[in-house]
């Protein structure tokens, strides 16, 4: 599945939006992520960059809860987003 999505992106310049709460699946399929909470975009970045920003996090779920839970300054997120 991931190979097909990457091929569509590379060859056709297509972006595919995936809406899910299964963040473990996101890392298998996606290269970039946007985190939306209560109708506001809190973060948009590559998964690779997020893993570098939060090296101690064991999963994307852990990163999400840190960002959504209010620890946005550590992630470089501003309230204006």
PDB file of N, CA and C in Angstrom:
ATOM      1  N   UNK A   1       0.822  -1.194   0.000  1.00  0.00           N
ATOM      2  CA  UNK A   1       0.000   0.000   0.000  1.00  0.00           C
ATOM      3  C   UNK A   1       0.868   1.260   0.000  1.00  0.00           C
ATOM      4  N   UNK A   2       1.880   1.270   0.881  1.00  0.00           N
ATOM      5  CA  UNK A   2       2.754   2.442   0.975  1.00  0.00           C
ATOM      6  C   UNK A   2       3.435   2.717  -0.359  1.00  0.00           C
ATOM      7  N   UNK A   3       3.913   1.668  -1.015  1.00  0.00           N
ATOM      8  CA  UNK A   3       4.584   1.837  -2.303  1.00  0.00           C
ATOM      9  C   UNK A   3       3.653   2.458  -3.339  1.00  0.00           C
ATOM     10  N   UNK A   4       2.405   2.026  -3.347  1.00  0.00           N
ATOM     11  CA  UNK A   4       1.425   2.584  -4.283  1.00  0.00           C
ATOM     12  C   UNK A   4       1.205   4.068  -4.002  1.00  0.00           C
ATOM     13  N   UNK A   5       1.039   4.424  -2.743  1.00  0.00           N
ATOM     14  CA  UNK A   5       0.818   5.831  -2.387  1.00  0.00           C
ATOM     15  C   UNK A   5       2.028   6.688  -2.732  1.00  0.00           C
ATOM     16  N   UNK A   6       3.222   6.183  -2.468  1.00  0.00           N
ATOM     17  CA  UNK A   6       4.433   6.941  -2.809  1.00  0.00           C
ATOM     18  C   UNK A   6       4.580   7.100  -4.320  1.00  0.00           C
ATOM     19  N   UNK A   7       4.230   6.060  -5.075  1.00  0.00           N
ATOM     20  CA  UNK A   7       4.285   6.132  -6.530  1.00  0.00           C
ATOM     21  C   UNK A   7       3.301   7.178  -7.051  1.00  0.00           C
ATOM     22  N   UNK A   8       2.090   7.188  -6.519  1.00  0.00           N
ATOM     23  CA  UNK A   8       1.104   8.185  -6.935  1.00  0.00           C
ATOM     24  C   UNK A   8       1.601   9.593  -6.639  1.00  0.00           C
ATOM     25  N   UNK A   9       2.227   9.764  -5.505  1.00  0.00           N
ATOM     26  CA  UNK A   9       2.750  11.068  -5.134  1.00  0.00           C
ATOM     27  C   UNK A   9       3.881  11.480  -6.063  1.00  0.00           C
ATOM     28  N   UNK A  10       4.823  10.591  -6.290  1.00  0.00           N
ATOM     29  CA  UNK A  10       5.989  10.921  -7.133  1.00  0.00           C
ATOM     30  C   UNK A  10       5.608  11.119  -8.598  1.00  0.00           C
ATOM     31  N   UNK A  11       4.905  10.173  -9.165  1.00  0.00           N
ATOM     32  CA  UNK A  11       4.651  10.188 -10.602  1.00  0.00           C
ATOM     33  C   UNK A  11       3.531  11.129 -11.017  1.00  0.00           C
ATOM     34  N   UNK A  12       2.532  11.279 -10.182  1.00  0.00           N
ATOM     35  CA  UNK A  12       1.384  12.102 -10.549  1.00  0.00           C
ATOM     36  C   UNK A  12       1.308  13.393  -9.753  1.00  0.00           C
ATOM     37  N   UNK A  13       2.197  13.546  -8.772  1.00  0.00           N
ATOM     38  CA  UNK A  13       2.154  14.737  -7.927  1.00  0.00           C
ATOM     39  C   UNK A  13       0.889  14.789  -7.089  1.00  0.00           C
ATOM     40  N   UNK A  14       0.365  13.613  -6.753  1.00  0.00           N
ATOM     41  CA  UNK A  14      -0.886  13.511  -6.033  1.00  0.00           C
ATOM     42  C   UNK A  14      -0.646  13.446  -4.523  1.00  0.00           C
ATOM     43  N   UNK A  15      -1.444  14.164  -3.785  1.00  0.00           N
ATOM     44  CA  UNK A  15      -1.420  14.085  -2.336  1.00  0.00           C
ATOM     45  C   UNK A  15      -2.672  13.352  -1.884  1.00  0.00           C
ATOM     46  N   UNK A  16      -2.489  12.419  -0.979  1.00  0.00           N
ATOM     47  CA  UNK A  16      -3.612  11.646  -0.466  1.00  0.00           C
ATOM     48  C   UNK A  16      -3.763  11.979   1.014  1.00  0.00           C
ATOM     49  N   UNK A  17      -4.966  12.398   1.397  1.00  0.00           N
ATOM     50  CA  UNK A  17      -5.245  12.706   2.793  1.00  0.00           C
ATOM     51  C   UNK A  17      -5.798  11.456   3.468  1.00  0.00           C
ATOM     52  N   UNK A  18      -5.252  11.173   4.619  1.00  0.00           N
ATOM     53  CA  UNK A  18      -5.690  10.013   5.394  1.00  0.00           C
ATOM     54  C   UNK A  18      -6.154  10.523   6.753  1.00  0.00           C
ATOM     55  N   UNK A  19      -7.361  10.190   7.115  1.00  0.00           N
ATOM     56  CA  UNK A  19      -7.919  10.596   8.395  1.00  0.00           C
ATOM     57  C   UNK A  19      -8.060   9.352   9.255  1.00  0.00           C
ATOM     58  N   UNK A  20      -7.296   9.299  10.359  1.00  0.00           N
ATOM     59  CA  UNK A  20      -7.343   8.118  11.209  1.00  0.00           C
ATOM     60  C   UNK A  20      -6.894   8.442  12.624  1.00  0.00           C
ATOM     61  N   UNK A  21      -7.334   7.620  13.539  1.00  0.00           N
ATOM     62  CA  UNK A  21      -6.847   7.685  14.910  1.00  0.00           C
ATOM     63  C   UNK A  21      -5.818   6.584  15.160  1.00  0.00           C
ATOM     64  N   UNK A  22      -5.587   5.750  14.170  1.00  0.00           N
ATOM     65  CA  UNK A  22      -4.623   4.655  14.290  1.00  0.00           C
ATOM     66  C   UNK A  22      -3.248   5.145  13.850  1.00  0.00           C
ATOM     67  N   UNK A  23      -2.581   5.835  14.739  1.00  0.00           N
ATOM     68  CA  UNK A  23      -1.320   6.468  14.374  1.00  0.00           C
ATOM     69  C   UNK A  23      -0.220   5.460  14.057  1.00  0.00           C
ATOM     70  N   UNK A  24      -0.321   4.258  14.570  1.00  0.00           N
ATOM     71  CA  UNK A  24       0.664   3.234  14.220  1.00  0.00           C
ATOM     72  C   UNK A  24       0.590   2.906  12.733  1.00  0.00           C
ATOM     73  N   UNK A  25      -0.598   3.025  12.141  1.00  0.00           N
ATOM     74  CA  UNK A  25      -0.755   2.792  10.706  1.00  0.00           C
ATOM     75  C   UNK A  25      -0.212   3.956   9.880  1.00  0.00           C
ATOM     76  N   UNK A  26      -0.288   5.144  10.428  1.00  0.00           N
ATOM     77  CA  UNK A  26       0.190   6.335   9.721  1.00  0.00           C
ATOM     78  C   UNK A  26       1.669   6.195   9.386  1.00  0.00           C
ATOM     79  N   UNK A  27       2.460   5.705  10.326  1.00  0.00           N
ATOM     80  CA  UNK A  27       3.902   5.585  10.091  1.00  0.00           C
ATOM     81  C   UNK A  27       4.228   4.576   8.992  1.00  0.00           C
ATOM     82  N   UNK A  28       3.309   3.662   8.726  1.00  0.00           N
ATOM     83  CA  UNK A  28       3.522   2.672   7.676  1.00  0.00           C
ATOM     84  C   UNK A  28       3.220   3.229   6.288  1.00  0.00           C
ATOM     85  N   UNK A  29       2.354   4.239   6.212  1.00  0.00           N
ATOM     86  CA  UNK A  29       1.838   4.686   4.928  1.00  0.00           C
ATOM     87  C   UNK A  29       2.264   6.110   4.564  1.00  0.00           C
ATOM     88  N   UNK A  30       2.411   6.968   5.556  1.00  0.00           N
ATOM     89  CA  UNK A  30       2.595   8.398   5.300  1.00  0.00           C
ATOM     90  C   UNK A  30       4.032   8.856   5.502  1.00  0.00           C
ATOM     91  N   UNK A  31       4.375   9.925   4.825  1.00  0.00           N
ATOM     92  CA  UNK A  31       5.675  10.565   5.028  1.00  0.00           C
ATOM     93  C   UNK A  31       5.528  11.842   5.836  1.00  0.00           C
ATOM     94  N   UNK A  32       4.380  12.498   5.724  1.00  0.00           N
ATOM     95  CA  UNK A  32       4.116  13.752   6.437  1.00  0.00           C
ATOM     96  C   UNK A  32       2.831  13.596   7.243  1.00  0.00           C
ATOM     97  N   UNK A  33       2.700  14.457   8.262  1.00  0.00           N
ATOM     98  CA  UNK A  33       1.531  14.377   9.132  1.00  0.00           C
ATOM     99  C   UNK A  33       1.074  15.779   9.511  1.00  0.00           C
ATOM    100  N   UNK A  34      -0.215  15.921   9.654  1.00  0.00           N
ATOM    101  CA  UNK A  34      -0.804  17.134  10.209  1.00  0.00           C
ATOM    102  C   UNK A  34      -1.634  16.732  11.409  1.00  0.00           C
ATOM    103  N   UNK A  35      -1.472  17.442  12.499  1.00  0.00           N
ATOM    104  CA  UNK A  35      -2.233  17.142  13.705  1.00  0.00           C
ATOM    105  C   UNK A  35      -3.257  18.246  13.897  1.00  0.00           C
ATOM    106  N   UNK A  36      -4.525  17.857  13.916  1.00  0.00           N
ATOM    107  CA  UNK A  36      -5.632  18.800  14.076  1.00  0.00           C
ATOM    108  C   UNK A  36      -6.349  18.459  15.375  1.00  0.00           C
ATOM    109  N   UNK A  37      -6.610  19.474  16.167  1.00  0.00           N
ATOM    110  CA  UNK A  37      -7.358  19.286  17.405  1.00  0.00           C
ATOM    111  C   UNK A  37      -8.341  20.425  17.562  1.00  0.00           C
ATOM    112  N   UNK A  38      -9.594  20.081  17.802  1.00  0.00           N
ATOM    113  CA  UNK A  38     -10.660  21.064  17.981  1.00  0.00           C
ATOM    114  C   UNK A  38     -10.719  22.059  16.818  1.00  0.00           C
ATOM    115  N   UNK A  39     -10.509  21.538  15.617  1.00  0.00           N
ATOM    116  CA  UNK A  39     -10.625  22.348  14.415  1.00  0.00           C
ATOM    117  C   UNK A  39      -9.417  23.207  14.085  1.00  0.00           C
ATOM    118  N   UNK A  40      -8.333  23.081  14.848  1.00  0.00           N
ATOM    119  CA  UNK A  40      -7.135  23.890  14.598  1.00  0.00           C
ATOM    120  C   UNK A  40      -5.965  22.996  14.241  1.00  0.00           C
ATOM    121  N   UNK A  41      -5.222  23.419  13.229  1.00  0.00           N
ATOM    122  CA  UNK A  41      -4.014  22.713  12.842  1.00  0.00           C
ATOM    123  C   UNK A  41      -2.926  23.044  13.853  1.00  0.00           C
ATOM    124  N   UNK A  42      -2.500  22.041  14.597  1.00  0.00           N
ATOM    125  CA  UNK A  42      -1.472  22.246  15.609  1.00  0.00           C
ATOM    126  C   UNK A  42      -0.075  22.057  15.059  1.00  0.00           C
ATOM    127  N   UNK A  43       0.041  21.201  14.056  1.00  0.00           N
ATOM    128  CA  UNK A  43       1.359  20.880  13.530  1.00  0.00           C
ATOM    129  C   UNK A  43       1.239  20.280  12.138  1.00  0.00           C
ATOM    130  N   UNK A  44       2.176  20.619  11.284  1.00  0.00           N
ATOM    131  CA  UNK A  44       2.314  19.972   9.979  1.00  0.00           C
ATOM    132  C   UNK A  44       3.800  19.792   9.745  1.00  0.00           C
ATOM    133  N   UNK A  45       4.233  18.539   9.618  1.00  0.00           N
ATOM    134  CA  UNK A  45       5.662  18.262   9.475  1.00  0.00           C
ATOM    135  C   UNK A  45       5.829  16.837   8.967  1.00  0.00           C
ATOM    136  N   UNK A  46       7.057  16.485   8.633  1.00  0.00           N
ATOM    137  CA  UNK A  46       7.326  15.107   8.239  1.00  0.00           C
ATOM    138  C   UNK A  46       7.456  14.255   9.498  1.00  0.00           C
ATOM    139  N   UNK A  47       7.138  12.998   9.358  1.00  0.00           N
ATOM    140  CA  UNK A  47       7.265  12.081  10.476  1.00  0.00           C
ATOM    141  C   UNK A  47       8.725  11.990  10.897  1.00  0.00           C
ATOM    142  N   UNK A  48       9.614  12.014   9.927  1.00  0.00           N
ATOM    143  CA  UNK A  48      11.046  11.961  10.224  1.00  0.00           C
ATOM    144  C   UNK A  48      11.481  13.148  11.093  1.00  0.00           C
ATOM    145  N   UNK A  49      11.009  14.352  10.766  1.00  0.00           N
ATOM    146  CA  UNK A  49      11.345  15.519  11.574  1.00  0.00           C
ATOM    147  C   UNK A  49      10.785  15.410  12.984  1.00  0.00           C
ATOM    148  N   UNK A  50       9.553  14.915  13.103  1.00  0.00           N
ATOM    149  CA  UNK A  50       8.952  14.742  14.431  1.00  0.00           C
ATOM    150  C   UNK A  50       9.746  13.760  15.278  1.00  0.00           C
ATOM    151  N   UNK A  51      10.194  12.683  14.663  1.00  0.00           N
ATOM    152  CA  UNK A  51      10.997  11.702  15.401  1.00  0.00           C
ATOM    153  C   UNK A  51      12.314  12.322  15.867  1.00  0.00           C
ATOM    154  N   UNK A  52      12.863  13.241  15.080  1.00  0.00           N
ATOM    155  CA  UNK A  52      14.093  13.921  15.480  1.00  0.00           C
ATOM    156  C   UNK A  52      13.831  14.951  16.583  1.00  0.00           C
ATOM    157  N   UNK A  53      12.675  15.606  16.536  1.00  0.00           N
ATOM    158  CA  UNK A  53      12.327  16.598  17.563  1.00  0.00           C
ATOM    159  C   UNK A  53      12.009  15.955  18.902  1.00  0.00           C
ATOM    160  N   UNK A  54      11.511  14.717  18.855  1.00  0.00           N
ATOM    161  CA  UNK A  54      11.125  13.996  20.068  1.00  0.00           C
ATOM    162  C   UNK A  54      11.857  12.648  20.105  1.00  0.00           C
ATOM    163  N   UNK A  55      13.171  12.659  20.231  1.00  0.00           N
ATOM    164  CA  UNK A  55      13.914  11.389  20.164  1.00  0.00           C
ATOM    165  C   UNK A  55      13.565  10.415  21.288  1.00  0.00           C
ATOM    166  N   UNK A  56      13.076  10.916  22.413  1.00  0.00           N
ATOM    167  CA  UNK A  56      12.736  10.048  23.540  1.00  0.00           C
ATOM    168  C   UNK A  56      11.369   9.387  23.376  1.00  0.00           C
ATOM    169  N   UNK A  57      10.557   9.869  22.442  1.00  0.00           N
ATOM    170  CA  UNK A  57       9.215   9.308  22.231  1.00  0.00           C
ATOM    171  C   UNK A  57       9.323   7.929  21.603  1.00  0.00           C
ATOM    172  N   UNK A  58       8.516   7.019  22.105  1.00  0.00           N
ATOM    173  CA  UNK A  58       8.545   5.645  21.612  1.00  0.00           C
ATOM    174  C   UNK A  58       7.597   5.399  20.452  1.00  0.00           C
ATOM    175  N   UNK A  59       6.671   6.357  20.222  1.00  0.00           N
ATOM    176  CA  UNK A  59       5.686   6.160  19.164  1.00  0.00           C
ATOM    177  C   UNK A  59       5.136   7.519  18.717  1.00  0.00           C
ATOM    178  N   UNK A  60       4.452   7.485  17.594  1.00  0.00           N
ATOM    179  CA  UNK A  60       3.781   8.678  17.099  1.00  0.00           C
ATOM    180  C   UNK A  60       2.643   9.077  18.039  1.00  0.00           C
ATOM    181  N   UNK A  61       2.020   8.091  18.671  1.00  0.00           N
ATOM    182  CA  UNK A  61       0.977   8.371  19.655  1.00  0.00           C
ATOM    183  C   UNK A  61       1.525   9.212  20.808  1.00  0.00           C
ATOM    184  N   UNK A  62       2.707   8.880  21.282  1.00  0.00           N
ATOM    185  CA  UNK A  62       3.325   9.626  22.375  1.00  0.00           C
ATOM    186  C   UNK A  62       3.615  11.066  21.945  1.00  0.00           C
ATOM    187  N   UNK A  63       4.093  11.232  20.732  1.00  0.00           N
ATOM    188  CA  UNK A  63       4.343  12.582  20.201  1.00  0.00           C
ATOM    189  C   UNK A  63       3.030  13.352  20.118  1.00  0.00           C
ATOM    190  N   UNK A  64       1.991  12.694  19.607  1.00  0.00           N
ATOM    191  CA  UNK A  64       0.684  13.345  19.492  1.00  0.00           C
ATOM    192  C   UNK A  64       0.197  13.840  20.855  1.00  0.00           C
ATOM    193  N   UNK A  65       0.245  12.992  21.861  1.00  0.00           N
ATOM    194  CA  UNK A  65      -0.271  13.386  23.173  1.00  0.00           C
ATOM    195  C   UNK A  65       0.547  14.519  23.793  1.00  0.00           C
ATOM    196  N   UNK A  66       1.833  14.571  23.522  1.00  0.00           N
ATOM    197  CA  UNK A  66       2.637  15.688  24.027  1.00  0.00           C
ATOM    198  C   UNK A  66       2.211  16.990  23.357  1.00  0.00           C
ATOM    199  N   UNK A  67       1.962  16.932  22.056  1.00  0.00           N
ATOM    200  CA  UNK A  67       1.578  18.136  21.323  1.00  0.00           C
ATOM    201  C   UNK A  67       0.143  18.535  21.655  1.00  0.00           C
ATOM    202  N   UNK A  68      -0.770  17.596  21.589  1.00  0.00           N
ATOM    203  CA  UNK A  68      -2.180  17.887  21.831  1.00  0.00           C
ATOM    204  C   UNK A  68      -2.430  18.239  23.291  1.00  0.00           C
ATOM    205  N   UNK A  69      -1.611  17.686  24.169  1.00  0.00           N
ATOM    206  CA  UNK A  69      -1.774  17.916  25.591  1.00  0.00           C
ATOM    207  C   UNK A  69      -1.288  19.264  26.071  1.00  0.00           C
ATOM    208  N   UNK A  70      -0.708  20.056  25.194  1.00  0.00           N
ATOM    209  CA  UNK A  70      -0.340  21.410  25.570  1.00  0.00           C
ATOM    210  C   UNK A  70       1.141  21.687  25.603  1.00  0.00           C
ATOM    211  N   UNK A  71       1.995  20.683  25.432  1.00  0.00           N
ATOM    212  CA  UNK A  71       3.432  20.923  25.463  1.00  0.00           C
ATOM    213  C   UNK A  71       3.908  21.339  24.076  1.00  0.00           C
ATOM    214  N   UNK A  72       3.327  22.405  23.572  1.00  0.00           N
ATOM    215  CA  UNK A  72       3.579  22.829  22.202  1.00  0.00           C
ATOM    216  C   UNK A  72       4.860  23.625  22.065  1.00  0.00           C
ATOM    217  N   UNK A  73       5.331  24.264  23.124  1.00  0.00           N
ATOM    218  CA  UNK A  73       6.548  25.062  23.016  1.00  0.00           C
ATOM    219  C   UNK A  73       7.736  24.180  22.690  1.00  0.00           C
ATOM    220  N   UNK A  74       7.777  22.968  23.253  1.00  0.00           N
ATOM    221  CA  UNK A  74       8.871  22.049  22.996  1.00  0.00           C
ATOM    222  C   UNK A  74       8.895  21.631  21.524  1.00  0.00           C
ATOM    223  N   UNK A  75       7.738  21.553  20.912  1.00  0.00           N
ATOM    224  CA  UNK A  75       7.663  21.128  19.513  1.00  0.00           C
ATOM    225  C   UNK A  75       7.838  22.317  18.556  1.00  0.00           C
ATOM    226  N   UNK A  76       7.998  23.504  19.096  1.00  0.00           N
ATOM    227  CA  UNK A  76       8.139  24.675  18.244  1.00  0.00           C
ATOM    228  C   UNK A  76       6.826  25.125  17.644  1.00  0.00           C
ATOM    229  N   UNK A  77       5.733  24.826  18.334  1.00  0.00           N
ATOM    230  CA  UNK A  77       4.398  25.155  17.832  1.00  0.00           C
ATOM    231  C   UNK A  77       3.920  26.416  18.512  1.00  0.00           C
ATOM    232  N   UNK A  78       3.332  27.296  17.742  1.00  0.00           N
ATOM    233  CA  UNK A  78       2.865  28.564  18.276  1.00  0.00           C
ATOM    234  C   UNK A  78       1.340  28.579  18.259  1.00  0.00           C
ATOM    235  N   UNK A  79       0.760  29.338  19.157  1.00  0.00           N
ATOM    236  CA  UNK A  79      -0.696  29.427  19.248  1.00  0.00           C
ATOM    237  C   UNK A  79      -1.338  30.035  18.011  1.00  0.00           C
ATOM    238  N   UNK A  80      -0.557  30.669  17.154  1.00  0.00           N
ATOM    239  CA  UNK A  80      -1.124  31.310  15.970  1.00  0.00           C
ATOM    240  C   UNK A  80      -1.512  30.314  14.899  1.00  0.00           C
ATOM    241  N   UNK A  81      -1.070  29.043  15.016  1.00  0.00           N
ATOM    242  CA  UNK A  81      -1.417  28.054  13.998  1.00  0.00           C
ATOM    243  C   UNK A  81      -2.875  27.716  14.057  1.00  0.00           C
TER     244      UNK A  81
END
